[in-house]
C-alpha atoms as a PDB file:
ATOM      1  CA  MET A   1      22.172 -58.055  34.690  1.00  0.00           C
ATOM      2  CA  GLU A   2      20.223 -54.938  35.516  1.00  0.00           C
ATOM      3  CA  ASN A   3      16.729 -55.297  36.905  1.00  0.00           C
ATOM      4  CA  TYR A   4      13.845 -52.986  36.181  1.00  0.00           C
ATOM      5  CA  ARG A   5      10.439 -52.769  37.802  1.00  0.00           C
ATOM      6  CA  ILE A   6       7.076 -52.584  36.107  1.00  0.00           C
ATOM      7  CA  GLY A   7       4.559 -52.161  38.884  1.00  0.00           C
ATOM      8  CA  ALA A   8       5.388 -54.825  41.491  1.00  0.00           C
ATOM      9  CA  GLU A   9       7.176 -57.076  38.972  1.00  0.00           C
ATOM     10  CA  ASN A  10      10.940 -57.244  38.429  1.00  0.00           C
ATOM     11  CA  VAL A  11      11.897 -57.578  34.790  1.00  0.00           C
ATOM     12  CA  GLY A  12      15.267 -57.972  33.112  1.00  0.00           C
ATOM     13  CA  ARG A  13      16.601 -56.287  30.027  1.00  0.00           C
ATOM     14  CA  VAL A  14      15.123 -57.547  26.775  1.00  0.00           C
ATOM     15  CA  ARG A  15      17.707 -59.257  24.630  1.00  0.00           C
ATOM     16  CA  PRO A  16      17.466 -60.101  20.926  1.00  0.00           C
ATOM     17  CA  GLN A  17      16.515 -63.674  20.146  1.00  0.00           C
ATOM     18  CA  ALA A  18      19.378 -65.985  19.291  1.00  0.00           C
ATOM     19  CA  GLY A  19      19.765 -66.579  15.583  1.00  0.00           C
ATOM     20  CA  LYS A  20      17.796 -63.457  14.640  1.00  0.00           C
ATOM     21  CA  GLU A  21      19.847 -61.027  12.581  1.00  0.00           C
ATOM     22  CA  ARG A  22      19.063 -57.372  12.320  1.00  0.00           C
ATOM     23  CA  VAL A  23      18.088 -56.574   8.770  1.00  0.00           C
ATOM     24  CA  PRO A  24      19.231 -53.144   7.636  1.00  0.00           C
ATOM     25  CA  PHE A  25      16.557 -50.808   6.295  1.00  0.00           C
ATOM     26  CA  THR A  26      16.593 -50.405   2.556  1.00  0.00           C
ATOM     27  CA  SER A  27      14.576 -47.788   0.778  1.00  0.00           C
ATOM     28  CA  LYS A  28      11.659 -48.930  -1.322  1.00  0.00           C
ATOM     29  CA  ILE A  29      12.394 -46.104  -3.716  1.00  0.00           C
ATOM     30  CA  PRO A  30      13.984 -47.834  -6.689  1.00  0.00           C
ATOM     31  CA  ASN A  31      15.891 -44.830  -7.925  1.00  0.00           C
ATOM     32  CA  ALA A  32      17.751 -42.735  -5.368  1.00  0.00           C
ATOM     33  CA  GLU A  33      18.297 -40.020  -7.974  1.00  0.00           C
ATOM     34  CA  PHE A  34      14.526 -39.709  -8.464  1.00  0.00           C
ATOM     35  CA  ALA A  35      14.027 -39.470  -4.697  1.00  0.00           C
ATOM     36  CA  LYS A  36      16.600 -36.674  -4.515  1.00  0.00           C
ATOM     37  CA  GLU A  37      14.857 -34.725  -7.298  1.00  0.00           C
ATOM     38  CA  PHE A  38      11.489 -35.280  -5.632  1.00  0.00           C
ATOM     39  CA  ASP A  39      12.870 -33.989  -2.326  1.00  0.00           C
ATOM     40  CA  ASN A  40      14.301 -30.904  -4.062  1.00  0.00           C
ATOM     41  CA  SER A  41      10.959 -30.135  -5.698  1.00  0.00           C
ATOM     42  CA  LEU A  42       9.222 -30.415  -2.301  1.00  0.00           C
ATOM     43  CA  LYS A  43      11.737 -27.981  -0.815  1.00  0.00           C
ATOM     44  CA  GLN A  44      10.750 -25.438  -3.471  1.00  0.00           C
ATOM     45  CA  LEU A  45       7.068 -25.786  -2.561  1.00  0.00           C
ATOM     46  CA  THR A  46       7.309 -25.532   1.211  1.00  0.00           C
ATOM     47  CA  LYS A  47       9.667 -24.815   4.091  1.00  0.00           C
ATOM     48  CA  LEU A  48       8.728 -28.143   5.680  1.00  0.00           C
ATOM     49  CA  LYS A  49      11.138 -31.064   5.578  1.00  0.00           C
ATOM     50  CA  PHE A  50      10.049 -34.514   4.394  1.00  0.00           C
ATOM     51  CA  SER A  51      11.510 -37.702   5.829  1.00  0.00           C
ATOM     52  CA  GLY A  52      12.720 -40.418   3.473  1.00  0.00           C
ATOM     53  CA  HIS A  53       9.753 -42.505   4.584  1.00  0.00           C
ATOM     54  CA  ALA A  54       7.293 -39.737   3.666  1.00  0.00           C
ATOM     55  CA  ILE A  55       8.923 -39.238   0.270  1.00  0.00           C
ATOM     56  CA  GLY A  56       8.742 -42.985  -0.315  1.00  0.00           C
ATOM     57  CA  ARG A  57       5.050 -43.065   0.579  1.00  0.00           C
ATOM     58  CA  LEU A  58       4.245 -40.156  -1.711  1.00  0.00           C
ATOM     59  CA  THR A  59       6.159 -41.589  -4.662  1.00  0.00           C
ATOM     60  CA  ASP A  60       4.882 -45.153  -4.164  1.00  0.00           C
ATOM     61  CA  ARG A  61       1.300 -43.932  -4.269  1.00  0.00           C
ATOM     62  CA  GLY A  62       1.803 -41.377  -7.032  1.00  0.00           C
ATOM     63  CA  VAL A  63       0.580 -38.565  -4.780  1.00  0.00           C
ATOM     64  CA  ARG A  64       1.112 -35.085  -6.146  1.00  0.00           C
ATOM     65  CA  LEU A  65       1.643 -32.320  -3.645  1.00  0.00           C
ATOM     66  CA  THR A  66       0.674 -29.125  -5.464  1.00  0.00           C
ATOM     67  CA  GLY A  67       1.698 -25.630  -4.406  1.00  0.00           C
ATOM     68  CA  ASP A  68      -1.767 -25.017  -2.933  1.00  0.00           C
ATOM     69  CA  LYS A  69      -1.705 -28.208  -0.845  1.00  0.00           C
ATOM     70  CA  ALA A  70       1.875 -27.569   0.262  1.00  0.00           C
ATOM     71  CA  MET A  71       0.891 -24.088   1.447  1.00  0.00           C
ATOM     72  CA  ARG A  72      -2.158 -25.470   3.292  1.00  0.00           C
ATOM     73  CA  LEU A  73       0.020 -28.141   4.926  1.00  0.00           C
ATOM     74  CA  GLU A  74       2.533 -25.528   6.053  1.00  0.00           C
ATOM     75  CA  ASN A  75      -0.263 -23.305   7.419  1.00  0.00           C
ATOM     76  CA  ALA A  76      -1.709 -26.275   9.336  1.00  0.00           C
ATOM     77  CA  VAL A  77       1.704 -26.923  10.918  1.00  0.00           C
ATOM     78  CA  ASP A  78       1.899 -23.238  11.874  1.00  0.00           C
ATOM     79  CA  VAL A  79      -1.494 -23.510  13.613  1.00  0.00           C
ATOM     80  CA  ALA A  80      -0.413 -26.709  15.405  1.00  0.00           C
ATOM     81  CA  GLU A  81       2.770 -24.993  16.587  1.00  0.00           C
ATOM     82  CA  LYS A  82       0.828 -22.028  17.992  1.00  0.00           C
ATOM     83  CA  LYS A  83      -1.419 -24.449  19.904  1.00  0.00           C
ATOM     84  CA  GLY A  84       1.585 -26.251  21.421  1.00  0.00           C
ATOM     85  CA  ALA A  85       1.234 -29.497  19.483  1.00  0.00           C
ATOM     86  CA  ARG A  86       4.200 -31.828  19.147  1.00  0.00           C
ATOM     87  CA  ASP A  87       3.139 -34.547  16.688  1.00  0.00           C
ATOM     88  CA  SER A  88       0.094 -33.824  14.554  1.00  0.00           C
ATOM     89  CA  LEU A  89      -2.088 -35.556  12.016  1.00  0.00           C
ATOM     90  CA  VAL A  90      -2.872 -33.100   9.238  1.00  0.00           C
ATOM     91  CA  LEU A  91      -5.806 -33.995   6.989  1.00  0.00           C
ATOM     92  CA  LEU A  92      -5.873 -32.299   3.585  1.00  0.00           C
ATOM     93  CA  ASP A  93      -8.653 -33.405   1.246  1.00  0.00           C
ATOM     94  CA  GLU A  94      -7.876 -37.074   0.521  1.00  0.00           C
ATOM     95  CA  LEU A  95      -4.376 -36.968   2.084  1.00  0.00           C
ATOM     96  CA  ALA A  96      -3.137 -37.525   5.623  1.00  0.00           C
ATOM     97  CA  PHE A  97       0.247 -36.393   6.951  1.00  0.00           C
ATOM     98  CA  VAL A  98       1.861 -37.123  10.308  1.00  0.00           C
ATOM     99  CA  VAL A  99       4.094 -34.167  11.138  1.00  0.00           C
ATOM    100  CA  SER A 100       6.690 -33.571  13.837  1.00  0.00           C
ATOM    101  CA  VAL A 101       5.727 -29.980  14.584  1.00  0.00           C
ATOM    102  CA  LYS A 102       8.865 -29.136  16.562  1.00  0.00           C
ATOM    103  CA  ASN A 103      11.142 -30.296  13.724  1.00  0.00           C
ATOM    104  CA  ARG A 104       8.711 -29.139  11.009  1.00  0.00           C
ATOM    105  CA  THR A 105       9.166 -32.522   9.370  1.00  0.00           C
ATOM    106  CA  VAL A 106       6.557 -34.617   7.587  1.00  0.00           C
ATOM    107  CA  VAL A 107       7.169 -38.075   9.041  1.00  0.00           C
ATOM    108  CA  THR A 108       4.749 -40.042   6.873  1.00  0.00           C
ATOM    109  CA  ALA A 109       2.032 -39.444   4.331  1.00  0.00           C
ATOM    110  CA  CYS A 110      -0.768 -41.478   2.857  1.00  0.00           C
ATOM    111  CA  ASP A 111      -3.898 -41.207   0.773  1.00  0.00           C
ATOM    112  CA  MET A 112      -7.292 -42.613   1.724  1.00  0.00           C
ATOM    113  CA  GLN A 113      -6.562 -45.903  -0.037  1.00  0.00           C
ATOM    114  CA  GLY A 114      -3.349 -46.271   1.940  1.00  0.00           C
ATOM    115  CA  MET A 115      -5.090 -46.030   5.299  1.00  0.00           C
ATOM    116  CA  LYS A 116      -5.605 -49.708   6.053  1.00  0.00           C
ATOM    117  CA  GLU A 117      -7.286 -49.415   9.417  1.00  0.00           C
ATOM    118  CA  GLY A 118      -7.563 -45.653   9.684  1.00  0.00           C
ATOM    119  CA  VAL A 119      -5.607 -45.657  12.955  1.00  0.00           C
ATOM    120  CA  PHE A 120      -2.872 -43.125  13.663  1.00  0.00           C
ATOM    121  CA  THR A 121      -0.752 -43.467  16.795  1.00  0.00           C
ATOM    122  CA  LYS A 122       1.778 -41.257  18.559  1.00  0.00           C
ATOM    123  CA  ILE A 123      -0.004 -38.007  17.741  1.00  0.00           C
ATOM    124  CA  ASP A 124      -1.305 -35.377  20.129  1.00  0.00           C
ATOM    125  CA  SER A 125      -3.449 -33.346  17.736  1.00  0.00           C
ATOM    126  CA  THR A 126      -5.337 -33.384  14.458  1.00  0.00           C
ATOM    127  CA  ILE A 127      -5.650 -30.441  12.116  1.00  0.00           C
ATOM    128  CA  LEU A 128      -8.071 -30.185   9.197  1.00  0.00           C
ATOM    129  CA  GLY A 129      -6.221 -28.165   6.577  1.00  0.00           C
END
């Protein structure tokens, strides 16, 4: 068994608990055909990519991403890229998007009602779009 150090402590590799099975991820989008159409319509609005998770969040909450908002989101990602950001929170009106700037991919999206605690992690910048 390999040993690792955290500070002065030796720790071993973390192993899954016995009897715990890995549960495969299943999409919450009930209709894969709808998700595909939704993704295609987003591609027509913007050059950004949307993860399956982001598409699921948008469809679950009935969020409409209009041409104007899509353009503002893309412009915000352009600004983040010029500033050297890697993972950004983009705030547009009542919507929040976490974007991988390098990949130009919207990782997740939510509206104000969907922000339970209002905490976003693993970001290095915030852009008001």
